[in-house]
Amino acid sequence: MFRTKEKKVGKYKVYKDHRGEWRWTFYAVNGEVIAVSSEGYRDERNCQHSITLMKTSGDATVVVEE
């Protein structure tokens, strides 16, 4: 029997804030917070859509030094 190495990945937590708006937090494999949504969303679908945008735009980002 072969064992495949499990790929460890970060995870998004979707939740409602104290104002009743949907937000997300992205956690690294080690549990550290990497990113948080910059705004709340009235609709959970819009919150999920912003996560999709984050996932798909990763390769298209650049680092800017100030």
N, C-alpha and C. Protein backbone atom coordinates (compact mmCIF):
# COMPACT_ATOMS: atom_id res chain seq x y z
N MET A 1 0.84 -1.18 0.00
CA MET A 1 0.00 0.00 0.00
C MET A 1 0.89 1.25 0.00
N PHE A 2 0.57 2.16 -0.88
CA PHE A 2 1.33 3.41 -0.98
C PHE A 2 0.63 4.50 -0.18
N ARG A 3 1.42 5.31 0.47
CA ARG A 3 0.87 6.47 1.17
C ARG A 3 1.20 7.70 0.35
N THR A 4 0.22 8.51 0.11
CA THR A 4 0.47 9.76 -0.61
C THR A 4 0.66 10.86 0.42
N LYS A 5 1.56 11.74 0.12
CA LYS A 5 1.81 12.85 1.03
C LYS A 5 0.67 13.85 0.89
N GLU A 6 0.03 14.14 1.99
CA GLU A 6 -1.08 15.07 1.98
C GLU A 6 -0.55 16.49 1.83
N LYS A 7 -1.13 17.23 0.90
CA LYS A 7 -0.72 18.62 0.70
C LYS A 7 -1.38 19.48 1.77
N LYS A 8 -0.56 20.18 2.52
CA LYS A 8 -1.09 21.06 3.56
C LYS A 8 -1.38 22.42 2.94
N VAL A 9 -2.57 22.91 3.22
CA VAL A 9 -2.98 24.19 2.67
C VAL A 9 -3.61 25.05 3.76
N GLY A 10 -3.65 26.33 3.52
CA GLY A 10 -4.32 27.23 4.44
C GLY A 10 -5.82 27.09 4.31
N LYS A 11 -6.54 27.82 5.15
CA LYS A 11 -8.00 27.74 5.07
C LYS A 11 -8.64 29.09 5.36
N TYR A 12 -9.81 29.28 4.77
CA TYR A 12 -10.61 30.48 4.99
C TYR A 12 -11.69 30.17 6.02
N LYS A 13 -11.90 31.10 6.94
CA LYS A 13 -13.02 31.01 7.88
C LYS A 13 -13.99 32.12 7.50
N VAL A 14 -15.24 31.77 7.24
CA VAL A 14 -16.28 32.74 6.90
C VAL A 14 -17.20 32.87 8.12
N TYR A 15 -17.50 34.11 8.50
CA TYR A 15 -18.29 34.33 9.70
C TYR A 15 -19.05 35.65 9.61
N LYS A 16 -20.03 35.82 10.49
CA LYS A 16 -20.74 37.09 10.61
C LYS A 16 -20.11 37.90 11.74
N ASP A 17 -19.90 39.19 11.47
CA ASP A 17 -19.33 40.05 12.51
C ASP A 17 -20.43 40.61 13.42
N HIS A 18 -20.05 41.48 14.34
CA HIS A 18 -21.01 42.03 15.31
C HIS A 18 -22.08 42.90 14.66
N ARG A 19 -21.85 43.34 13.43
CA ARG A 19 -22.83 44.15 12.70
C ARG A 19 -23.73 43.30 11.81
N GLY A 20 -23.50 41.98 11.82
CA GLY A 20 -24.30 41.08 11.00
C GLY A 20 -23.81 40.98 9.56
N GLU A 21 -22.60 41.46 9.30
CA GLU A 21 -22.03 41.38 7.95
C GLU A 21 -21.09 40.18 7.85
N TRP A 22 -21.03 39.61 6.65
CA TRP A 22 -20.17 38.46 6.40
C TRP A 22 -18.74 38.91 6.15
N ARG A 23 -17.79 38.21 6.74
CA ARG A 23 -16.36 38.48 6.58
C ARG A 23 -15.62 37.16 6.48
N TRP A 24 -14.35 37.26 6.09
CA TRP A 24 -13.51 36.06 6.05
C TRP A 24 -12.15 36.37 6.65
N THR A 25 -11.50 35.32 7.14
CA THR A 25 -10.12 35.36 7.61
C THR A 25 -9.40 34.19 6.98
N PHE A 26 -8.19 34.43 6.46
CA PHE A 26 -7.39 33.37 5.86
C PHE A 26 -6.27 32.98 6.82
N TYR A 27 -6.19 31.68 7.11
CA TYR A 27 -5.19 31.15 8.04
C TYR A 27 -4.16 30.30 7.31
N ALA A 28 -2.90 30.45 7.70
CA ALA A 28 -1.83 29.60 7.18
C ALA A 28 -1.97 28.21 7.80
N VAL A 29 -1.20 27.27 7.29
CA VAL A 29 -1.22 25.90 7.80
C VAL A 29 -0.91 25.86 9.30
N ASN A 30 -0.05 26.76 9.76
CA ASN A 30 0.33 26.78 11.18
C ASN A 30 -0.68 27.53 12.05
N GLY A 31 -1.79 27.99 11.47
CA GLY A 31 -2.83 28.67 12.23
C GLY A 31 -2.69 30.17 12.34
N GLU A 32 -1.61 30.72 11.80
CA GLU A 32 -1.41 32.17 11.84
C GLU A 32 -2.34 32.86 10.84
N VAL A 33 -2.85 34.03 11.21
CA VAL A 33 -3.69 34.81 10.31
C VAL A 33 -2.80 35.44 9.25
N ILE A 34 -3.17 35.23 7.99
CA ILE A 34 -2.42 35.80 6.87
C ILE A 34 -3.15 37.01 6.29
N ALA A 35 -4.49 36.92 6.19
CA ALA A 35 -5.26 38.01 5.59
C ALA A 35 -6.67 38.02 6.17
N VAL A 36 -7.27 39.21 6.16
CA VAL A 36 -8.67 39.36 6.58
C VAL A 36 -9.39 40.21 5.54
N SER A 37 -10.69 40.01 5.43
CA SER A 37 -11.45 40.81 4.48
C SER A 37 -11.43 42.27 4.93
N SER A 38 -11.30 43.15 3.97
CA SER A 38 -11.21 44.58 4.30
C SER A 38 -12.58 45.22 4.46
N GLU A 39 -13.62 44.47 4.17
CA GLU A 39 -14.97 45.00 4.30
C GLU A 39 -15.92 43.87 4.67
N GLY A 40 -17.08 44.25 5.20
CA GLY A 40 -18.13 43.28 5.48
C GLY A 40 -19.09 43.22 4.30
N TYR A 41 -19.74 42.08 4.15
CA TYR A 41 -20.67 41.87 3.04
C TYR A 41 -22.05 41.54 3.60
N ARG A 42 -23.08 42.17 3.04
CA ARG A 42 -24.45 41.90 3.48
C ARG A 42 -24.88 40.49 3.11
N ASP A 43 -24.36 40.01 1.99
CA ASP A 43 -24.76 38.71 1.46
C ASP A 43 -23.57 37.74 1.51
N GLU A 44 -23.79 36.54 2.00
CA GLU A 44 -22.71 35.56 2.10
C GLU A 44 -22.12 35.22 0.73
N ARG A 45 -22.95 35.24 -0.31
CA ARG A 45 -22.45 34.95 -1.67
C ARG A 45 -21.38 35.95 -2.09
N ASN A 46 -21.55 37.21 -1.74
CA ASN A 46 -20.54 38.22 -2.08
C ASN A 46 -19.25 37.98 -1.31
N CYS A 47 -19.37 37.54 -0.08
CA CYS A 47 -18.19 37.21 0.71
C CYS A 47 -17.45 36.03 0.07
N GLN A 48 -18.19 35.00 -0.32
CA GLN A 48 -17.59 33.84 -0.98
C GLN A 48 -16.94 34.25 -2.30
N HIS A 49 -17.56 35.18 -3.01
CA HIS A 49 -17.00 35.66 -4.28
C HIS A 49 -15.66 36.36 -4.05
N SER A 50 -15.55 37.13 -2.97
CA SER A 50 -14.27 37.80 -2.70
C SER A 50 -13.18 36.78 -2.38
N ILE A 51 -13.54 35.66 -1.76
CA ILE A 51 -12.57 34.59 -1.52
C ILE A 51 -12.13 33.99 -2.85
N THR A 52 -13.07 33.78 -3.75
CA THR A 52 -12.73 33.25 -5.08
C THR A 52 -11.77 34.19 -5.79
N LEU A 53 -12.01 35.49 -5.69
CA LEU A 53 -11.11 36.47 -6.32
C LEU A 53 -9.71 36.39 -5.71
N MET A 54 -9.63 36.22 -4.40
CA MET A 54 -8.32 36.08 -3.74
C MET A 54 -7.59 34.84 -4.24
N LYS A 55 -8.32 33.74 -4.34
CA LYS A 55 -7.70 32.48 -4.77
C LYS A 55 -7.19 32.56 -6.20
N THR A 56 -7.96 33.19 -7.09
CA THR A 56 -7.61 33.20 -8.51
C THR A 56 -6.64 34.32 -8.88
N SER A 57 -6.48 35.32 -8.03
CA SER A 57 -5.59 36.43 -8.39
C SER A 57 -4.19 36.28 -7.81
N GLY A 58 -3.93 35.21 -7.11
CA GLY A 58 -2.64 35.02 -6.46
C GLY A 58 -1.45 35.10 -7.39
N ASP A 59 -1.55 34.53 -8.57
CA ASP A 59 -0.44 34.55 -9.52
C ASP A 59 -0.30 35.89 -10.23
N ALA A 60 -1.32 36.73 -10.14
CA ALA A 60 -1.30 38.00 -10.86
C ALA A 60 -0.90 39.18 -9.97
N THR A 61 -0.42 38.89 -8.78
CA THR A 61 -0.07 39.98 -7.87
C THR A 61 1.41 40.33 -7.96
N VAL A 62 1.73 41.53 -7.56
CA VAL A 62 3.12 41.99 -7.54
C VAL A 62 3.44 42.53 -6.15
N VAL A 63 4.70 42.53 -5.81
CA VAL A 63 5.15 43.09 -4.54
C VAL A 63 5.66 44.50 -4.80
N VAL A 64 5.16 45.47 -4.05
CA VAL A 64 5.57 46.86 -4.20
C VAL A 64 6.30 47.27 -2.93
N GLU A 65 7.53 47.74 -3.08
CA GLU A 65 8.29 48.21 -1.92
C GLU A 65 8.15 49.71 -1.81
N GLU A 66 7.97 50.18 -0.61
CA GLU A 66 7.84 51.63 -0.39
C GLU A 66 8.98 52.15 0.43
